[in-house]
PDB file of N, CA and C in Angstrom:
ATOM      1  N   MET A   1      50.401 -27.924 -16.433  1.00  0.00           N
ATOM      2  CA  MET A   1      49.182 -27.141 -16.356  1.00  0.00           C
ATOM      3  C   MET A   1      48.669 -26.922 -17.776  1.00  0.00           C
ATOM      4  N   GLY A   2      47.412 -27.317 -18.040  1.00  0.00           N
ATOM      5  CA  GLY A   2      46.840 -27.186 -19.373  1.00  0.00           C
ATOM      6  C   GLY A   2      46.332 -25.769 -19.642  1.00  0.00           C
ATOM      7  N   ILE A   3      45.990 -25.513 -20.895  1.00  0.00           N
ATOM      8  CA  ILE A   3      45.515 -24.185 -21.305  1.00  0.00           C
ATOM      9  C   ILE A   3      44.222 -23.804 -20.584  1.00  0.00           C
ATOM     10  N   LYS A   4      43.325 -24.789 -20.357  1.00  0.00           N
ATOM     11  CA  LYS A   4      42.076 -24.500 -19.641  1.00  0.00           C
ATOM     12  C   LYS A   4      42.365 -24.099 -18.200  1.00  0.00           C
ATOM     13  N   GLN A   5      43.312 -24.771 -17.572  1.00  0.00           N
ATOM     14  CA  GLN A   5      43.684 -24.459 -16.187  1.00  0.00           C
ATOM     15  C   GLN A   5      44.277 -23.050 -16.106  1.00  0.00           C
ATOM     16  N   ILE A   6      45.142 -22.698 -17.045  1.00  0.00           N
ATOM     17  CA  ILE A   6      45.761 -21.368 -17.065  1.00  0.00           C
ATOM     18  C   ILE A   6      44.698 -20.298 -17.282  1.00  0.00           C
ATOM     19  N   THR A   7      43.788 -20.521 -18.242  1.00  0.00           N
ATOM     20  CA  THR A   7      42.717 -19.562 -18.507  1.00  0.00           C
ATOM     21  C   THR A   7      41.849 -19.375 -17.286  1.00  0.00           C
ATOM     22  N   PHE A   8      41.483 -20.466 -16.610  1.00  0.00           N
ATOM     23  CA  PHE A   8      40.661 -20.375 -15.403  1.00  0.00           C
ATOM     24  C   PHE A   8      41.382 -19.593 -14.315  1.00  0.00           C
ATOM     25  N   THR A   9      42.670 -19.849 -14.123  1.00  0.00           N
ATOM     26  CA  THR A   9      43.462 -19.170 -13.098  1.00  0.00           C
ATOM     27  C   THR A   9      43.547 -17.675 -13.393  1.00  0.00           C
ATOM     28  N   ILE A  10      43.789 -17.298 -14.631  1.00  0.00           N
ATOM     29  CA  ILE A  10      43.870 -15.886 -15.014  1.00  0.00           C
ATOM     30  C   ILE A  10      42.515 -15.212 -14.812  1.00  0.00           C
ATOM     31  N   THR A  11      41.430 -15.868 -15.203  1.00  0.00           N
ATOM     32  CA  THR A  11      40.088 -15.320 -15.025  1.00  0.00           C
ATOM     33  C   THR A  11      39.780 -15.107 -13.550  1.00  0.00           C
ATOM     34  N   LEU A  12      40.107 -16.077 -12.726  1.00  0.00           N
ATOM     35  CA  LEU A  12      39.876 -15.971 -11.295  1.00  0.00           C
ATOM     36  C   LEU A  12      40.698 -14.831 -10.691  1.00  0.00           C
ATOM     37  N   LEU A  13      41.956 -14.715 -11.084  1.00  0.00           N
ATOM     38  CA  LEU A  13      42.816 -13.635 -10.598  1.00  0.00           C
ATOM     39  C   LEU A  13      42.271 -12.281 -11.032  1.00  0.00           C
ATOM     40  N   TRP A  14      41.836 -12.155 -12.280  1.00  0.00           N
ATOM     41  CA  TRP A  14      41.277 -10.910 -12.799  1.00  0.00           C
ATOM     42  C   TRP A  14      40.028 -10.509 -12.005  1.00  0.00           C
ATOM     43  N   ALA A  15      39.156 -11.444 -11.718  1.00  0.00           N
ATOM     44  CA  ALA A  15      37.947 -11.169 -10.939  1.00  0.00           C
ATOM     45  C   ALA A  15      38.298 -10.712  -9.532  1.00  0.00           C
ATOM     46  N   PHE A  16      39.290 -11.349  -8.916  1.00  0.00           N
ATOM     47  CA  PHE A  16      39.710 -10.964  -7.565  1.00  0.00           C
ATOM     48  C   PHE A  16      40.285  -9.549  -7.562  1.00  0.00           C
ATOM     49  N   LEU A  17      41.135  -9.224  -8.530  1.00  0.00           N
ATOM     50  CA  LEU A  17      41.738  -7.888  -8.589  1.00  0.00           C
ATOM     51  C   LEU A  17      40.687  -6.813  -8.857  1.00  0.00           C
ATOM     52  N   ALA A  18      39.727  -7.091  -9.710  1.00  0.00           N
ATOM     53  CA  ALA A  18      38.664  -6.122  -9.993  1.00  0.00           C
ATOM     54  C   ALA A  18      37.843  -5.846  -8.747  1.00  0.00           C
ATOM     55  N   GLN A  19      37.544  -6.879  -7.968  1.00  0.00           N
ATOM     56  CA  GLN A  19      36.775  -6.695  -6.737  1.00  0.00           C
ATOM     57  C   GLN A  19      37.606  -5.940  -5.708  1.00  0.00           C
ATOM     58  N   ALA A  20      38.868  -6.251  -5.572  1.00  0.00           N
ATOM     59  CA  ALA A  20      39.729  -5.605  -4.578  1.00  0.00           C
ATOM     60  C   ALA A  20      39.882  -4.117  -4.867  1.00  0.00           C
ATOM     61  N   GLN A  21      39.922  -3.716  -6.129  1.00  0.00           N
ATOM     62  CA  GLN A  21      40.085  -2.312  -6.483  1.00  0.00           C
ATOM     63  C   GLN A  21      38.817  -1.513  -6.222  1.00  0.00           C
ATOM     64  N   SER A  22      37.664  -2.148  -6.161  1.00  0.00           N
ATOM     65  CA  SER A  22      36.413  -1.422  -5.988  1.00  0.00           C
ATOM     66  C   SER A  22      36.018  -1.272  -4.528  1.00  0.00           C
ATOM     67  N   GLU A  23      36.791  -1.864  -3.614  1.00  0.00           N
ATOM     68  CA  GLU A  23      36.445  -1.790  -2.209  1.00  0.00           C
ATOM     69  C   GLU A  23      36.962  -0.502  -1.580  1.00  0.00           C
ATOM     70  N   ILE A  24      36.255  -0.036  -0.574  1.00  0.00           N
ATOM     71  CA  ILE A  24      36.612   1.172   0.155  1.00  0.00           C
ATOM     72  C   ILE A  24      37.220   0.740   1.481  1.00  0.00           C
ATOM     73  N   ALA A  25      38.342   1.314   1.836  1.00  0.00           N
ATOM     74  CA  ALA A  25      39.029   0.955   3.075  1.00  0.00           C
ATOM     75  C   ALA A  25      38.473   1.783   4.233  1.00  0.00           C
ATOM     76  N   PHE A  26      37.653   1.155   5.070  1.00  0.00           N
ATOM     77  CA  PHE A  26      37.129   1.807   6.262  1.00  0.00           C
ATOM     78  C   PHE A  26      38.056   1.509   7.420  1.00  0.00           C
ATOM     79  N   PRO A  27      38.193   2.354   8.437  1.00  0.00           N
ATOM     80  CA  PRO A  27      37.472   3.603   8.674  1.00  0.00           C
ATOM     81  C   PRO A  27      37.979   4.728   7.772  1.00  0.00           C
ATOM     82  N   ILE A  28      37.104   5.703   7.562  1.00  0.00           N
ATOM     83  CA  ILE A  28      37.414   6.830   6.699  1.00  0.00           C
ATOM     84  C   ILE A  28      36.815   8.090   7.317  1.00  0.00           C
ATOM     85  N   SER A  29      37.491   9.203   7.205  1.00  0.00           N
ATOM     86  CA  SER A  29      37.017  10.463   7.777  1.00  0.00           C
ATOM     87  C   SER A  29      36.066  11.158   6.803  1.00  0.00           C
ATOM     88  N   VAL A  30      34.877  11.543   7.299  1.00  0.00           N
ATOM     89  CA  VAL A  30      33.889  12.200   6.437  1.00  0.00           C
ATOM     90  C   VAL A  30      33.469  13.580   6.945  1.00  0.00           C
ATOM     91  N   GLY A  31      33.883  13.963   8.138  1.00  0.00           N
ATOM     92  CA  GLY A  31      33.506  15.256   8.704  1.00  0.00           C
ATOM     93  C   GLY A  31      33.158  15.111  10.169  1.00  0.00           C
ATOM     94  N   MET A  32      32.728  16.218  10.774  1.00  0.00           N
ATOM     95  CA  MET A  32      32.373  16.213  12.188  1.00  0.00           C
ATOM     96  C   MET A  32      30.971  15.653  12.403  1.00  0.00           C
ATOM     97  N   LYS A  33      30.831  14.756  13.317  1.00  0.00           N
ATOM     98  CA  LYS A  33      29.560  14.162  13.720  1.00  0.00           C
ATOM     99  C   LYS A  33      28.800  13.462  12.591  1.00  0.00           C
ATOM    100  N   PRO A  34      29.409  12.442  11.972  1.00  0.00           N
ATOM    101  CA  PRO A  34      28.629  11.643  11.021  1.00  0.00           C
ATOM    102  C   PRO A  34      27.514  10.938  11.779  1.00  0.00           C
ATOM    103  N   GLU A  35      26.337  10.831  11.166  1.00  0.00           N
ATOM    104  CA  GLU A  35      25.177  10.312  11.892  1.00  0.00           C
ATOM    105  C   GLU A  35      24.706   8.966  11.341  1.00  0.00           C
ATOM    106  N   SER A  36      24.426   8.883  10.049  1.00  0.00           N
ATOM    107  CA  SER A  36      23.894   7.647   9.456  1.00  0.00           C
ATOM    108  C   SER A  36      24.559   7.383   8.114  1.00  0.00           C
ATOM    109  N   ILE A  37      24.476   6.101   7.684  1.00  0.00           N
ATOM    110  CA  ILE A  37      25.097   5.708   6.422  1.00  0.00           C
ATOM    111  C   ILE A  37      24.201   4.711   5.696  1.00  0.00           C
ATOM    112  N   THR A  38      24.223   4.758   4.368  1.00  0.00           N
ATOM    113  CA  THR A  38      23.527   3.781   3.536  1.00  0.00           C
ATOM    114  C   THR A  38      24.328   3.569   2.259  1.00  0.00           C
ATOM    115  N   LYS A  39      24.144   2.421   1.650  1.00  0.00           N
ATOM    116  CA  LYS A  39      24.728   2.166   0.335  1.00  0.00           C
ATOM    117  C   LYS A  39      23.721   2.629  -0.696  1.00  0.00           C
ATOM    118  N   GLY A  40      24.184   3.378  -1.705  1.00  0.00           N
ATOM    119  CA  GLY A  40      23.259   3.954  -2.680  1.00  0.00           C
ATOM    120  C   GLY A  40      23.718   3.795  -4.113  1.00  0.00           C
ATOM    121  N   PHE A  41      23.668   4.892  -4.863  1.00  0.00           N
ATOM    122  CA  PHE A  41      23.988   4.894  -6.284  1.00  0.00           C
ATOM    123  C   PHE A  41      25.364   4.274  -6.551  1.00  0.00           C
ATOM    124  N   HIS A  42      25.444   3.385  -7.541  1.00  0.00           N
ATOM    125  CA  HIS A  42      26.693   2.781  -8.008  1.00  0.00           C
ATOM    126  C   HIS A  42      27.490   2.110  -6.878  1.00  0.00           C
ATOM    127  N   ASP A  43      26.787   1.594  -5.869  1.00  0.00           N
ATOM    128  CA  ASP A  43      27.417   0.933  -4.712  1.00  0.00           C
ATOM    129  C   ASP A  43      28.294   1.869  -3.888  1.00  0.00           C
ATOM    130  N   ASN A  44      28.100   3.179  -4.027  1.00  0.00           N
ATOM    131  CA  ASN A  44      28.789   4.140  -3.170  1.00  0.00           C
ATOM    132  C   ASN A  44      28.018   4.269  -1.867  1.00  0.00           C
ATOM    133  N   TYR A  45      28.692   4.778  -0.839  1.00  0.00           N
ATOM    134  CA  TYR A  45      28.051   4.991   0.454  1.00  0.00           C
ATOM    135  C   TYR A  45      27.706   6.466   0.605  1.00  0.00           C
ATOM    136  N   TYR A  46      26.611   6.740   1.306  1.00  0.00           N
ATOM    137  CA  TYR A  46      26.161   8.106   1.551  1.00  0.00           C
ATOM    138  C   TYR A  46      25.983   8.278   3.050  1.00  0.00           C
ATOM    139  N   VAL A  47      26.574   9.353   3.573  1.00  0.00           N
ATOM    140  CA  VAL A  47      26.623   9.583   5.010  1.00  0.00           C
ATOM    141  C   VAL A  47      26.024  10.943   5.330  1.00  0.00           C
ATOM    142  N   THR A  48      25.108  10.980   6.308  1.00  0.00           N
ATOM    143  CA  THR A  48      24.633  12.263   6.815  1.00  0.00           C
ATOM    144  C   THR A  48      25.645  12.741   7.843  1.00  0.00           C
ATOM    145  N   VAL A  49      26.075  14.006   7.703  1.00  0.00           N
ATOM    146  CA  VAL A  49      27.089  14.587   8.587  1.00  0.00           C
ATOM    147  C   VAL A  49      26.521  15.865   9.195  1.00  0.00           C
ATOM    148  N   MET A  50      26.402  15.878  10.522  1.00  0.00           N
ATOM    149  CA  MET A  50      25.798  17.027  11.205  1.00  0.00           C
ATOM    150  C   MET A  50      26.759  18.204  11.315  1.00  0.00           C
ATOM    151  N   ASN A  51      28.075  17.963  11.376  1.00  0.00           N
ATOM    152  CA  ASN A  51      29.105  18.982  11.557  1.00  0.00           C
ATOM    153  C   ASN A  51      28.889  19.736  12.860  1.00  0.00           C
ATOM    154  N   ALA A  52      29.147  21.045  12.888  1.00  0.00           N
ATOM    155  CA  ALA A  52      29.005  21.825  14.128  1.00  0.00           C
ATOM    156  C   ALA A  52      27.521  22.163  14.338  1.00  0.00           C
ATOM    157  N   LYS A  53      27.257  23.076  15.211  1.00  0.00           N
ATOM    158  CA  LYS A  53      25.865  23.457  15.495  1.00  0.00           C
ATOM    159  C   LYS A  53      25.413  24.679  14.699  1.00  0.00           C
ATOM    160  N   GLU A  54      26.176  25.116  13.720  1.00  0.00           N
ATOM    161  CA  GLU A  54      25.811  26.278  12.911  1.00  0.00           C
ATOM    162  C   GLU A  54      24.682  25.899  11.952  1.00  0.00           C
ATOM    163  N   PRO A  55      23.668  26.734  11.838  1.00  0.00           N
ATOM    164  CA  PRO A  55      22.585  26.444  10.884  1.00  0.00           C
ATOM    165  C   PRO A  55      23.122  26.335   9.452  1.00  0.00           C
ATOM    166  N   GLY A  56      22.724  25.298   8.764  1.00  0.00           N
ATOM    167  CA  GLY A  56      23.105  25.126   7.362  1.00  0.00           C
ATOM    168  C   GLY A  56      24.454  24.494   7.116  1.00  0.00           C
ATOM    169  N   ASP A  57      25.156  24.025   8.166  1.00  0.00           N
ATOM    170  CA  ASP A  57      26.478  23.437   7.931  1.00  0.00           C
ATOM    171  C   ASP A  57      26.451  21.916   7.785  1.00  0.00           C
ATOM    172  N   GLY A  58      25.272  21.309   7.858  1.00  0.00           N
ATOM    173  CA  GLY A  58      25.150  19.866   7.679  1.00  0.00           C
ATOM    174  C   GLY A  58      25.283  19.489   6.220  1.00  0.00           C
ATOM    175  N   GLU A  59      25.779  18.255   5.983  1.00  0.00           N
ATOM    176  CA  GLU A  59      26.042  17.805   4.622  1.00  0.00           C
ATOM    177  C   GLU A  59      25.630  16.358   4.422  1.00  0.00           C
ATOM    178  N   LEU A  60      25.471  16.002   3.176  1.00  0.00           N
ATOM    179  CA  LEU A  60      25.347  14.617   2.755  1.00  0.00           C
ATOM    180  C   LEU A  60      26.616  14.325   1.964  1.00  0.00           C
ATOM    181  N   VAL A  61      27.388  13.340   2.419  1.00  0.00           N
ATOM    182  CA  VAL A  61      28.697  13.051   1.849  1.00  0.00           C
ATOM    183  C   VAL A  61      28.650  11.722   1.111  1.00  0.00           C
ATOM    184  N   GLU A  62      29.299  11.683  -0.059  1.00  0.00           N
ATOM    185  CA  GLU A  62      29.409  10.456  -0.846  1.00  0.00           C
ATOM    186  C   GLU A  62      30.801   9.860  -0.640  1.00  0.00           C
ATOM    187  N   VAL A  63      30.846   8.576  -0.333  1.00  0.00           N
ATOM    188  CA  VAL A  63      32.106   7.855  -0.161  1.00  0.00           C
ATOM    189  C   VAL A  63      32.190   6.811  -1.268  1.00  0.00           C
ATOM    190  N   SER A  64      33.204   6.933  -2.112  1.00  0.00           N
ATOM    191  CA  SER A  64      33.390   5.986  -3.212  1.00  0.00           C
ATOM    192  C   SER A  64      34.838   5.521  -3.222  1.00  0.00           C
ATOM    193  N   LYS A  65      35.170   4.640  -4.146  1.00  0.00           N
ATOM    194  CA  LYS A  65      36.553   4.182  -4.254  1.00  0.00           C
ATOM    195  C   LYS A  65      37.482   5.321  -4.661  1.00  0.00           C
ATOM    196  N   ASN A  66      36.909   6.420  -5.158  1.00  0.00           N
ATOM    197  CA  ASN A  66      37.699   7.586  -5.557  1.00  0.00           C
ATOM    198  C   ASN A  66      37.908   8.580  -4.422  1.00  0.00           C
ATOM    199  N   GLY A  67      37.277   8.339  -3.268  1.00  0.00           N
ATOM    200  CA  GLY A  67      37.445   9.235  -2.131  1.00  0.00           C
ATOM    201  C   GLY A  67      36.119   9.731  -1.574  1.00  0.00           C
ATOM    202  N   VAL A  68      36.205  10.838  -0.843  1.00  0.00           N
ATOM    203  CA  VAL A  68      35.055  11.423  -0.165  1.00  0.00           C
ATOM    204  C   VAL A  68      34.761  12.786  -0.795  1.00  0.00           C
ATOM    205  N   LYS A  69      33.471  13.050  -1.104  1.00  0.00           N
ATOM    206  CA  LYS A  69      33.103  14.364  -1.620  1.00  0.00           C
ATOM    207  C   LYS A  69      31.719  14.738  -1.112  1.00  0.00           C
ATOM    208  N   VAL A  70      31.460  16.035  -1.024  1.00  0.00           N
ATOM    209  CA  VAL A  70      30.149  16.521  -0.606  1.00  0.00           C
ATOM    210  C   VAL A  70      29.167  16.280  -1.742  1.00  0.00           C
ATOM    211  N   PHE A  71      28.081  15.592  -1.442  1.00  0.00           N
ATOM    212  CA  PHE A  71      27.038  15.292  -2.420  1.00  0.00           C
ATOM    213  C   PHE A  71      25.960  16.368  -2.387  1.00  0.00           C
ATOM    214  N   ALA A  72      25.624  16.864  -1.174  1.00  0.00           N
ATOM    215  CA  ALA A  72      24.639  17.940  -0.996  1.00  0.00           C
ATOM    216  C   ALA A  72      24.948  18.647   0.316  1.00  0.00           C
ATOM    217  N   LYS A  73      24.641  19.932   0.399  1.00  0.00           N
ATOM    218  CA  LYS A  73      24.928  20.675   1.625  1.00  0.00           C
ATOM    219  C   LYS A  73      23.814  21.674   1.896  1.00  0.00           C
ATOM    220  N   GLY A  74      23.905  22.341   3.062  1.00  0.00           N
ATOM    221  CA  GLY A  74      22.918  23.340   3.420  1.00  0.00           C
ATOM    222  C   GLY A  74      21.870  22.832   4.398  1.00  0.00           C
ATOM    223  N   PHE A  75      22.168  21.762   5.107  1.00  0.00           N
ATOM    224  CA  PHE A  75      21.218  21.176   6.052  1.00  0.00           C
ATOM    225  C   PHE A  75      21.602  21.562   7.476  1.00  0.00           C
ATOM    226  N   ASN A  76      20.661  21.394   8.400  1.00  0.00           N
ATOM    227  CA  ASN A  76      20.928  21.758   9.785  1.00  0.00           C
ATOM    228  C   ASN A  76      21.504  20.588  10.576  1.00  0.00           C
ATOM    229  N   GLU A  77      20.766  19.524  10.740  1.00  0.00           N
ATOM    230  CA  GLU A  77      21.250  18.328  11.443  1.00  0.00           C
ATOM    231  C   GLU A  77      20.712  17.084  10.748  1.00  0.00           C
ATOM    232  N   PRO A  78      21.254  16.753   9.565  1.00  0.00           N
ATOM    233  CA  PRO A  78      20.738  15.593   8.838  1.00  0.00           C
ATOM    234  C   PRO A  78      20.970  14.298   9.608  1.00  0.00           C
ATOM    235  N   LYS A  79      19.912  13.506   9.719  1.00  0.00           N
ATOM    236  CA  LYS A  79      19.977  12.236  10.448  1.00  0.00           C
ATOM    237  C   LYS A  79      19.156  11.197   9.700  1.00  0.00           C
ATOM    238  N   GLY A  80      19.517   9.944   9.885  1.00  0.00           N
ATOM    239  CA  GLY A  80      18.754   8.860   9.268  1.00  0.00           C
ATOM    240  C   GLY A  80      18.796   8.960   7.758  1.00  0.00           C
ATOM    241  N   ILE A  81      19.115   7.878   7.078  1.00  0.00           N
ATOM    242  CA  ILE A  81      19.184   7.893   5.617  1.00  0.00           C
ATOM    243  C   ILE A  81      18.851   6.498   5.087  1.00  0.00           C
ATOM    244  N   VAL A  82      18.194   6.462   3.931  1.00  0.00           N
ATOM    245  CA  VAL A  82      17.877   5.198   3.273  1.00  0.00           C
ATOM    246  C   VAL A  82      17.911   5.423   1.764  1.00  0.00           C
ATOM    247  N   PHE A  83      18.343   4.397   1.032  1.00  0.00           N
ATOM    248  CA  PHE A  83      18.301   4.377  -0.428  1.00  0.00           C
ATOM    249  C   PHE A  83      17.178   3.436  -0.804  1.00  0.00           C
ATOM    250  N   LEU A  84      16.110   3.966  -1.414  1.00  0.00           N
ATOM    251  CA  LEU A  84      14.907   3.181  -1.688  1.00  0.00           C
ATOM    252  C   LEU A  84      14.388   3.499  -3.076  1.00  0.00           C
ATOM    253  N   ASN A  85      14.216   2.482  -3.898  1.00  0.00           N
ATOM    254  CA  ASN A  85      13.669   2.633  -5.251  1.00  0.00           C
ATOM    255  C   ASN A  85      14.418   3.683  -6.073  1.00  0.00           C
ATOM    256  N   GLY A  86      15.738   3.722  -5.927  1.00  0.00           N
ATOM    257  CA  GLY A  86      16.552   4.636  -6.730  1.00  0.00           C
ATOM    258  C   GLY A  86      16.649   6.048  -6.204  1.00  0.00           C
ATOM    259  N   TYR A  87      16.169   6.302  -4.980  1.00  0.00           N
ATOM    260  CA  TYR A  87      16.225   7.647  -4.393  1.00  0.00           C
ATOM    261  C   TYR A  87      16.855   7.583  -3.004  1.00  0.00           C
ATOM    262  N   LEU A  88      17.545   8.662  -2.630  1.00  0.00           N
ATOM    263  CA  LEU A  88      18.057   8.807  -1.269  1.00  0.00           C
ATOM    264  C   LEU A  88      17.050   9.628  -0.469  1.00  0.00           C
ATOM    265  N   TYR A  89      16.706   9.147   0.717  1.00  0.00           N
ATOM    266  CA  TYR A  89      15.815   9.882   1.625  1.00  0.00           C
ATOM    267  C   TYR A  89      16.543  10.034   2.957  1.00  0.00           C
ATOM    268  N   PHE A  90      16.493  11.237   3.520  1.00  0.00           N
ATOM    269  CA  PHE A  90      17.020  11.436   4.865  1.00  0.00           C
ATOM    270  C   PHE A  90      16.248  12.561   5.521  1.00  0.00           C
ATOM    271  N   SER A  91      16.335  12.608   6.836  1.00  0.00           N
ATOM    272  CA  SER A  91      15.586  13.628   7.566  1.00  0.00           C
ATOM    273  C   SER A  91      16.528  14.716   8.068  1.00  0.00           C
ATOM    274  N   ASP A  92      15.981  15.911   8.138  1.00  0.00           N
ATOM    275  CA  ASP A  92      16.662  17.050   8.733  1.00  0.00           C
ATOM    276  C   ASP A  92      15.780  17.499   9.902  1.00  0.00           C
ATOM    277  N   VAL A  93      16.044  18.616  10.484  1.00  0.00           N
ATOM    278  CA  VAL A  93      15.310  19.059  11.664  1.00  0.00           C
ATOM    279  C   VAL A  93      13.800  19.159  11.395  1.00  0.00           C
ATOM    280  N   THR A  94      13.426  19.752  10.289  1.00  0.00           N
ATOM    281  CA  THR A  94      12.002  19.973   9.999  1.00  0.00           C
ATOM    282  C   THR A  94      11.571  19.479   8.619  1.00  0.00           C
ATOM    283  N   ARG A  95      12.392  18.692   7.962  1.00  0.00           N
ATOM    284  CA  ARG A  95      12.032  18.237   6.617  1.00  0.00           C
ATOM    285  C   ARG A  95      12.651  16.882   6.294  1.00  0.00           C
ATOM    286  N   ILE A  96      12.085  16.232   5.289  1.00  0.00           N
ATOM    287  CA  ILE A  96      12.623  14.957   4.778  1.00  0.00           C
ATOM    288  C   ILE A  96      13.057  15.186   3.343  1.00  0.00           C
TER     289      ILE A  96
END
């Protein structure tokens, strides 16, 4: 095996390992009644979560290779989400 072959093999292995470490293992728990999902900032996923029927308990959750965290909260029943032109848009009961 020549030096070029070894370099190519190491480069290919490095690229594969970097991609494998950045992937998220689905299924993943994000809360009660997840409704919609989109890929957004930094290739992370964003999920609208309705939770229970209590006013203000809905959340927008971020799913990344580092885990799950609340991105925004205080919504009633967030549904539908899109990442467009660098912004996240989703609807709640009476607002977008």
